[in-house]
Protein backbone atom coordinates (compact mmCIF):
# COMPACT_ATOMS: atom_id res chain seq x y z
CA MET A 1 25.88 -7.18 7.92
CA ASN A 2 22.47 -5.54 7.25
CA ARG A 3 20.72 -8.87 6.98
CA ASN A 4 22.21 -9.98 10.37
CA ARG A 5 21.02 -6.80 11.93
CA LEU A 6 17.52 -7.69 10.50
CA CYS A 7 17.64 -11.28 12.06
CA LEU A 8 18.76 -9.96 15.46
CA LEU A 9 15.88 -7.66 15.67
CA ALA A 10 13.54 -10.27 14.72
CA THR A 11 14.83 -12.43 17.45
CA LEU A 12 14.25 -9.66 20.03
CA VAL A 13 10.68 -9.14 18.64
CA ILE A 14 9.42 -12.76 18.97
CA GLY A 15 11.30 -13.92 22.07
CA GLY A 16 9.81 -14.18 25.43
CA SER A 17 6.12 -14.29 24.52
CA PRO A 18 4.22 -16.43 26.95
CA VAL A 19 2.01 -19.20 25.58
CA THR A 20 -1.59 -19.29 26.42
CA HIS A 21 -4.03 -22.36 25.96
CA ALA A 22 -7.36 -22.15 24.53
CA ALA A 23 -9.80 -24.98 23.92
CA GLU A 24 -12.81 -24.74 21.54
CA THR A 25 -14.99 -27.56 20.09
CA PHE A 26 -15.23 -28.02 16.43
CA GLY A 27 -18.94 -27.20 16.57
CA GLU A 28 -18.01 -23.83 18.09
CA ALA A 29 -15.56 -23.28 15.27
CA VAL A 30 -18.08 -23.74 12.57
CA ASP A 31 -20.68 -21.54 14.24
CA GLU A 32 -18.07 -18.74 14.60
CA THR A 33 -16.98 -18.98 10.81
CA LYS A 34 -17.29 -15.58 9.12
CA PHE A 35 -17.96 -15.27 5.37
CA LEU A 36 -16.17 -12.76 3.27
CA MET A 37 -17.38 -10.93 0.28
CA ASN A 38 -16.24 -7.62 -1.48
CA TRP A 39 -17.48 -6.68 -4.89
CA ARG A 40 -16.01 -3.60 -6.78
CA VAL A 41 -17.00 -2.48 -10.34
CA ARG A 42 -14.83 0.48 -11.62
CA SER A 43 -14.37 2.64 -14.66
CA GLU A 44 -11.07 4.21 -15.44
CA THR A 45 -10.52 6.72 -18.12
CA VAL A 46 -6.95 7.83 -19.19
CA ASP A 47 -6.11 10.78 -21.52
CA GLN A 48 -2.43 10.72 -22.06
CA THR A 49 -0.19 12.65 -24.46
CA GLY A 50 1.32 10.52 -26.97
CA PHE A 51 -1.66 8.18 -27.49
CA ALA A 52 -4.17 8.83 -30.09
CA LEU A 53 -6.81 6.74 -28.19
CA ASP A 54 -7.94 7.35 -24.74
CA ALA A 55 -8.00 4.20 -22.34
CA GLU A 56 -11.45 3.22 -21.25
CA ALA A 57 -11.33 0.37 -18.77
CA LEU A 58 -14.44 -1.11 -17.22
CA THR A 59 -13.46 -3.90 -14.69
CA SER A 60 -15.11 -5.92 -12.05
CA ARG A 61 -13.43 -7.60 -9.03
CA ILE A 62 -15.06 -10.02 -6.53
CA ARG A 63 -13.46 -11.57 -3.50
CA PHE A 64 -15.15 -14.36 -1.60
CA GLY A 65 -14.33 -16.65 1.20
CA PHE A 66 -14.44 -17.39 4.88
CA GLU A 67 -12.48 -17.18 8.05
CA SER A 68 -13.29 -20.07 10.32
CA GLY A 69 -13.75 -19.83 14.18
CA ALA A 70 -10.81 -20.76 16.37
CA LEU A 71 -10.29 -24.33 17.18
CA ALA A 72 -7.40 -24.61 19.80
CA GLY A 73 -6.34 -21.16 18.86
CA THR A 74 -6.13 -21.74 15.19
CA LYS A 75 -8.19 -20.47 12.26
CA ILE A 76 -8.34 -21.15 8.56
CA LEU A 77 -8.72 -18.25 6.10
CA ALA A 78 -9.55 -18.91 2.42
CA GLU A 79 -10.52 -16.37 -0.07
CA ALA A 80 -10.71 -16.37 -3.83
CA ALA A 81 -10.67 -13.43 -6.21
CA ALA A 82 -12.12 -13.16 -9.69
CA THR A 83 -11.59 -10.18 -12.06
CA SER A 84 -13.49 -9.46 -15.18
CA GLU A 85 -12.51 -7.29 -18.28
CA LEU A 86 -15.95 -5.64 -19.11
CA SER A 87 -14.11 -3.38 -21.51
CA SER A 88 -10.83 -4.10 -23.37
CA GLU A 89 -9.95 -0.61 -24.49
CA TYR A 90 -6.94 -0.29 -22.33
CA ASN A 91 -3.31 -1.61 -21.94
CA SER A 92 -3.47 -4.07 -18.89
CA THR A 93 0.11 -4.95 -19.61
CA THR A 94 -0.83 -8.41 -20.70
CA ASN A 95 -3.78 -8.00 -23.18
CA GLY A 96 -1.58 -6.56 -25.99
CA GLN A 97 -3.62 -3.41 -26.38
CA THR A 98 -0.49 -1.24 -26.56
CA GLN A 99 -2.32 1.49 -28.51
CA TYR A 100 -3.84 2.56 -25.21
CA PRO A 101 -2.50 3.96 -22.12
CA VAL A 102 -1.77 1.48 -19.23
CA VAL A 103 -4.46 0.53 -16.69
CA ALA A 104 -2.63 -1.91 -14.50
CA ASP A 105 -5.82 -4.25 -13.88
CA PRO A 106 -5.60 -7.93 -15.16
CA GLY A 107 -8.21 -9.36 -17.48
CA ASP A 108 -10.36 -12.13 -16.75
CA PHE A 109 -9.00 -14.67 -14.13
CA ILE A 110 -9.86 -16.42 -11.16
CA GLY A 111 -7.32 -17.40 -8.42
CA VAL A 112 -6.55 -17.64 -4.76
CA ASN A 113 -6.13 -14.20 -3.30
CA ARG A 114 -5.58 -15.41 0.59
CA PHE A 115 -5.22 -18.80 1.99
CA ALA A 116 -3.54 -18.91 5.43
CA VAL A 117 -3.54 -20.68 8.86
CA ILE A 118 -3.91 -18.17 11.80
CA ASN A 119 -2.80 -18.97 15.19
CA ASN A 120 -2.97 -16.97 18.46
CA SER A 121 -1.75 -19.39 20.98
CA LEU A 122 0.98 -17.07 21.89
CA GLU A 123 -0.24 -14.33 24.32
CA LYS A 124 -0.68 -10.95 22.44
CA THR A 125 0.76 -12.43 19.14
CA ILE A 126 -0.89 -13.61 16.12
CA LEU A 127 1.08 -15.91 13.71
CA THR A 128 -0.12 -16.24 10.29
CA LEU A 129 1.20 -18.74 7.62
CA GLY A 130 0.24 -18.80 4.12
CA ARG A 131 -0.82 -16.41 1.50
CA GLN A 132 -1.93 -13.12 3.15
CA ARG A 133 -2.13 -9.21 2.76
CA LEU A 134 0.27 -6.96 4.78
CA SER A 135 0.13 -3.19 5.26
CA LEU A 136 2.68 -1.45 7.49
CA ASP A 137 2.36 2.12 8.74
CA ASP A 138 1.11 4.36 5.93
CA THR A 139 1.97 1.72 3.23
CA ARG A 140 4.83 3.78 2.02
CA PHE A 141 7.16 0.84 2.09
CA VAL A 142 4.83 -2.28 2.48
CA GLY A 143 1.18 -2.31 1.48
CA ASN A 144 -1.41 -4.52 -0.20
CA VAL A 145 -2.21 -1.97 -3.04
CA ALA A 146 -5.77 -2.09 -2.30
CA TRP A 147 -6.44 0.52 -5.08
CA ARG A 148 -5.87 -2.04 -7.86
CA GLN A 149 -8.47 -4.55 -8.69
CA ASN A 150 -5.89 -7.39 -7.93
CA GLU A 151 -4.23 -6.78 -4.53
CA GLN A 152 -0.85 -7.58 -3.64
CA THR A 153 -0.22 -10.44 -1.24
CA LEU A 154 2.66 -12.28 0.23
CA ASP A 155 3.39 -15.88 0.79
CA GLY A 156 5.03 -16.60 4.02
CA LEU A 157 5.01 -16.36 7.80
CA ILE A 158 4.08 -13.09 9.54
CA SER A 159 4.22 -12.61 13.47
CA GLN A 160 2.31 -9.51 14.76
CA SER A 161 2.52 -8.71 18.46
CA THR A 162 0.42 -5.94 20.18
CA GLY A 163 1.04 -4.74 23.78
CA GLU A 164 -0.12 -1.52 25.73
CA LYS A 165 2.45 0.61 24.10
CA LEU A 166 4.61 -1.67 22.06
CA SER A 167 3.75 -3.45 18.78
CA ALA A 168 6.04 -5.47 16.52
CA THR A 169 5.64 -7.14 13.19
CA LEU A 170 8.01 -9.63 11.73
CA ALA A 171 7.48 -11.17 8.30
CA TYR A 172 9.45 -13.58 6.00
CA ALA A 173 8.09 -14.32 2.52
CA THR A 174 9.41 -16.26 -0.31
CA GLN A 175 6.91 -14.97 -2.96
CA VAL A 176 5.19 -11.64 -3.82
CA ASN A 177 1.91 -11.89 -5.72
CA ARG A 178 1.76 -8.61 -7.51
CA VAL A 179 -1.18 -6.59 -8.96
CA PHE A 180 -0.55 -7.48 -12.58
CA GLY A 181 -1.88 -10.90 -12.40
CA PRO A 182 -0.40 -14.46 -12.71
CA GLU A 183 -0.25 -13.97 -16.66
CA SER A 184 2.07 -11.09 -16.54
CA PRO A 185 6.08 -11.89 -16.39
CA GLN A 186 6.14 -9.47 -13.55
CA GLY A 187 3.08 -11.01 -11.81
CA ARG A 188 5.18 -12.76 -9.27
CA TRP A 189 8.38 -12.25 -7.48
CA HIS A 190 10.38 -14.79 -5.79
CA GLY A 191 13.28 -14.48 -3.23
CA ASP A 192 13.97 -13.70 0.43
CA ILE A 193 12.00 -10.96 1.92
CA LEU A 194 12.46 -10.20 5.64
CA LEU A 195 10.41 -7.22 7.10
CA VAL A 196 10.78 -5.90 10.70
CA ASN A 197 8.60 -3.08 11.96
CA VAL A 198 8.69 -2.21 15.70
CA ALA A 199 6.66 0.72 17.17
CA ARG A 200 6.36 2.29 20.65
CA THR A 201 3.67 4.83 21.66
CA PHE A 202 4.85 7.83 23.54
CA SER A 203 2.89 10.89 24.83
CA PHE A 204 4.29 12.81 21.75
CA GLY A 205 3.33 10.18 19.22
CA LYS A 206 4.10 6.76 17.81
CA LEU A 207 7.85 6.19 17.07
CA THR A 208 8.46 3.31 14.73
CA ALA A 209 11.81 1.51 13.76
CA PHE A 210 11.98 -0.60 10.58
CA GLY A 211 14.17 -2.79 8.51
CA TYR A 212 13.18 -4.08 5.16
CA GLY A 213 15.60 -6.62 3.41
CA LEU A 214 14.53 -7.44 0.02
CA GLU A 215 16.31 -10.05 -2.20
CA ILE A 216 14.27 -10.50 -5.40
CA ASP A 217 15.20 -13.16 -8.06
CA GLU A 218 13.23 -11.30 -10.92
CA SER A 219 14.35 -7.91 -10.08
CA ALA A 220 17.97 -7.35 -9.07
CA ALA A 221 17.56 -3.63 -9.13
CA SER A 222 14.84 -3.84 -6.56
CA SER A 223 16.98 -6.01 -4.08
CA THR A 224 17.80 -3.56 -1.26
CA ASP A 225 18.12 -3.26 2.42
CA THR A 226 16.39 -0.18 3.97
CA PHE A 227 16.40 0.82 7.64
CA GLY A 228 14.56 3.92 8.97
CA LEU A 229 12.47 5.62 11.73
CA ARG A 230 9.03 7.19 11.51
CA LEU A 231 7.26 9.56 13.98
CA ALA A 232 3.58 10.29 13.77
CA GLY A 233 1.59 12.15 16.25
CA SER A 234 -1.12 14.78 17.19
CA ARG A 235 -1.75 17.30 20.00
CA ALA A 236 -5.05 19.01 20.74
CA PHE A 237 -5.44 22.69 21.40
CA GLY A 238 -9.06 23.47 22.13
CA ASP A 239 -11.05 22.66 18.91
CA THR A 240 -8.08 22.37 16.78
CA THR A 241 -5.79 19.26 16.64
CA LEU A 242 -2.06 19.57 15.38
CA LEU A 243 -0.99 16.77 13.16
CA TYR A 244 2.74 15.96 12.33
CA THR A 245 4.58 13.10 10.76
CA ALA A 246 8.40 12.68 10.08
CA SER A 247 10.26 9.93 8.54
CA TYR A 248 13.74 9.16 7.28
CA ALA A 249 15.43 5.93 5.82
CA GLU A 250 18.73 4.94 4.12
CA GLN A 251 18.86 2.19 1.49
CA THR A 252 21.75 0.08 0.16
CA GLU A 253 22.02 -2.60 -2.34
CA ALA A 254 21.42 -6.32 -1.37
CA GLY A 255 21.35 -9.89 -2.95
CA MET A 256 22.25 -9.85 -6.59
CA ASN A 257 21.97 -6.21 -7.10
CA SER A 258 25.17 -5.08 -8.81
CA ILE A 259 24.40 -1.28 -8.58
CA ASP A 260 26.13 0.57 -5.72
CA VAL A 261 23.14 1.92 -3.93
CA ASP A 262 23.45 4.67 -1.35
CA GLU A 263 20.19 6.59 -1.30
CA SER A 264 17.93 8.00 1.36
CA TYR A 265 14.18 8.87 2.07
CA SER A 266 12.82 12.02 3.89
CA PHE A 267 9.21 12.77 4.68
CA LEU A 268 7.80 15.73 6.57
CA GLU A 269 4.23 16.62 7.04
CA ALA A 270 2.39 19.18 9.35
CA GLY A 271 -1.31 20.08 9.41
CA PHE A 272 -4.33 20.41 11.51
CA THR A 273 -7.87 19.32 11.93
CA ARG A 274 -10.63 21.49 13.04
CA GLY A 275 -14.21 20.39 13.08
CA LYS A 276 -14.79 18.67 9.70
CA TYR A 277 -11.73 20.19 7.93
CA THR A 278 -8.12 18.91 7.61
CA THR A 279 -5.39 20.73 5.93
CA ALA A 280 -1.71 19.79 5.82
CA VAL A 281 1.49 20.50 3.93
CA GLY A 282 4.17 18.17 3.36
CA TYR A 283 7.46 17.27 1.64
CA GLU A 284 8.61 13.94 0.42
CA LEU A 285 12.12 13.26 -0.96
CA LEU A 286 13.22 10.02 -2.60
CA SER A 287 16.91 10.57 -3.61
CA GLY A 288 18.65 9.73 -6.79
CA ASP A 289 22.36 10.13 -8.04
CA GLY A 290 21.76 9.90 -11.79
CA THR A 291 22.13 6.39 -11.99
CA ILE A 292 19.36 4.93 -9.62
CA GLY A 293 16.67 6.27 -7.25
CA PHE A 294 15.36 5.26 -3.82
CA SER A 295 12.92 2.37 -4.39
CA THR A 296 9.82 1.15 -2.67
CA PRO A 297 8.79 -1.78 -4.69
CA LEU A 298 6.47 -3.30 -2.11
CA ALA A 299 4.49 -0.04 -1.35
CA THR A 300 0.84 0.89 -2.21
CA LEU A 301 2.46 3.39 -4.72
CA HIS A 302 -0.87 5.00 -5.83
CA ALA A 303 -1.25 6.77 -2.48
CA PHE A 304 1.82 8.67 -2.93
CA GLN A 305 3.16 11.43 -5.36
CA GLY A 306 -0.19 11.96 -7.05
CA TRP A 307 -2.96 9.77 -8.42
CA ALA A 308 -1.80 9.84 -11.89
CA ASP A 309 0.83 7.28 -11.04
CA LYS A 310 3.64 8.80 -12.86
CA PHE A 311 6.28 8.00 -10.21
CA LEU A 312 5.60 4.35 -9.69
CA THR A 313 9.33 3.81 -10.42
CA THR A 314 11.55 6.56 -8.91
CA PRO A 315 13.48 8.44 -11.58
CA VAL A 316 17.27 7.93 -11.52
CA ASN A 317 17.51 11.67 -10.46
CA GLY A 318 15.25 11.02 -7.71
CA VAL A 319 12.04 13.07 -6.88
CA ALA A 320 11.08 15.73 -4.53
CA ASP A 321 7.22 16.20 -3.81
CA SER A 322 6.04 19.33 -2.26
CA TYR A 323 2.30 19.16 -1.49
CA LEU A 324 -0.72 20.67 -0.13
CA ARG A 325 -3.77 18.54 0.86
CA PHE A 326 -7.33 19.28 2.18
CA ALA A 327 -10.16 17.06 3.45
CA TYR A 328 -13.64 17.71 4.49
CA GLN A 329 -16.29 15.47 5.95
CA PRO A 330 -19.69 17.17 6.21
CA ALA A 331 -22.28 16.24 8.79
CA MET A 332 -24.85 13.81 7.61
CA ASN A 333 -28.64 14.31 7.53
CA GLY A 334 -29.27 12.87 4.05
CA PRO A 335 -29.37 9.49 2.43
CA PHE A 336 -25.49 8.74 3.07
CA ASP A 337 -23.93 7.59 6.20
CA ALA A 338 -20.74 9.53 5.25
CA VAL A 339 -19.40 11.79 2.68
CA ASN A 340 -15.67 12.70 2.28
CA PHE A 341 -14.09 15.23 -0.09
CA ALA A 342 -10.35 15.33 -0.56
CA ALA A 343 -8.19 17.56 -2.80
CA TRP A 344 -4.35 17.71 -3.42
CA TYR A 345 -1.72 19.91 -5.05
CA HIS A 346 1.56 18.33 -5.83
CA LEU A 347 4.71 20.04 -7.18
CA PHE A 348 7.56 17.64 -8.38
CA ASP A 349 11.19 18.30 -8.82
CA ALA A 350 14.41 16.22 -9.32
CA ASP A 351 16.70 15.62 -6.39
CA PHE A 352 19.69 15.36 -8.49
CA GLY A 353 20.19 18.42 -10.80
CA SER A 354 17.76 21.10 -11.37
CA THR A 355 14.99 19.51 -13.46
CA GLU A 356 11.31 20.49 -12.69
CA TYR A 357 9.20 17.44 -13.40
CA GLY A 358 5.63 19.18 -13.42
CA ASP A 359 2.74 19.46 -11.16
CA GLU A 360 -0.58 17.65 -10.52
CA ILE A 361 -4.00 18.26 -9.04
CA ASN A 362 -6.06 15.60 -7.38
CA PHE A 363 -9.72 15.49 -6.22
CA SER A 364 -12.13 12.93 -4.96
CA VAL A 365 -15.50 12.62 -3.42
CA SER A 366 -16.83 9.32 -1.89
CA ALA A 367 -19.99 8.38 -0.38
CA ARG A 368 -21.07 5.49 1.79
CA VAL A 369 -24.71 4.15 2.49
CA GLU A 370 -24.68 0.95 4.59
CA LYS A 371 -22.51 -1.56 2.85
CA ILE A 372 -22.15 0.47 -0.45
CA THR A 373 -19.35 2.83 -1.08
CA LEU A 374 -19.39 5.21 -4.28
CA LEU A 375 -16.19 7.01 -5.39
CA LEU A 376 -15.50 9.56 -8.05
CA LYS A 377 -11.85 10.69 -8.39
CA TYR A 378 -9.76 12.87 -10.76
CA ALA A 379 -6.04 13.49 -11.34
CA ALA A 380 -4.28 15.52 -13.80
CA TYR A 381 -0.51 15.77 -14.33
CA GLU A 382 0.73 18.58 -16.29
CA ALA A 383 4.30 17.68 -17.54
CA GLU A 384 7.38 19.87 -17.77
CA GLY A 385 10.68 18.22 -17.47
CA LEU A 386 9.63 14.49 -17.35
CA PHE A 387 6.81 12.24 -18.66
CA THR A 388 3.80 13.52 -20.52
CA ASP A 389 0.30 15.21 -19.59
CA THR A 390 -2.01 12.85 -18.17
CA ASP A 391 -5.65 13.22 -16.94
CA LYS A 392 -7.44 10.24 -15.27
CA VAL A 393 -11.14 9.77 -14.13
CA TRP A 394 -12.30 7.06 -11.97
CA PHE A 395 -15.85 6.02 -10.86
CA SER A 396 -16.40 2.99 -8.67
CA MET A 397 -19.02 1.30 -6.63
CA GLU A 398 -18.02 -1.20 -3.98
CA TYR A 399 -20.07 -3.66 -1.90
CA ALA A 400 -18.58 -5.19 1.33
CA PHE A 401 -20.17 -8.00 3.19
């Protein structure tokens, strides 16, 4: 029943788009080709209770490729990625260094990051076939996990339509290329993945309806159908802008998942921006019933529930995250084009039962000068009823061409 609802919504999304005709010469397509290059070097230190040794990961990742100009409305995108393990004093999940805490960046490898055919012959619609990245909304359910050195991509067909007030994304994928790399047993997932995301802009904000159907061969417990709504908006009052976001979703089992899943997701955030300052309070709940918790296996998980990454898998008793966040972007008159400060405080509790999981503080400062971005980042999780105390420090330099 849920899969049929997804297919019906998909039909409504892509139906009725008028076709436009474009003609370009091969020479123009070559002249309009854009070359792509992104290089990031990062150190990540992890001090985790239970390990006698701290993880000291120094890794490099470079992506390089091109996107051709359009020929008859069609482009070719090709991009390779190469990661290097400059220090092996960490557990990548595949290097056998289990005496260290986990840093989920693969060792030395080179492979295809993206390879796709892009067509915009349909008016206001882009069709992309092949290996590609996809991020939806705030990436809470679907993201490319840009934080890790090896990003997450999908192999499949994606349709993205954009109108004046209405936008829609329909994706079907048969393979997920995960952050752990091809050498990991969990590096690739196969199955049937159908993602539908439709949004309408109103005066009070952007309202999104979504349905995500996951049938994953390698992880039956991650096979679920999820349907939900999300509202995000802002309203100005003089020099102050009110920010608000709310989201709700329900999740049931799908495919070969033999567990009876009946879980829900709730999110509320309210805050304001004034000048260079932003402050917000929020509450996020992923329910659990003591057997299984609400799951978001395709999400950019690092962006949620603390940067220490303690809740990449939702505990069976669920997790409630009450948080306060603060951001500051000063005016620039020095060597940098932009500087950003951010700080978070999280308080974690169980949804099912009365266990207090612990709390966490996060802090980051980033600075950009031309095409170079520097980042210093810190996370400290203090355990109470779950996991162990964990401190993480990152420093990275990234160059984008």
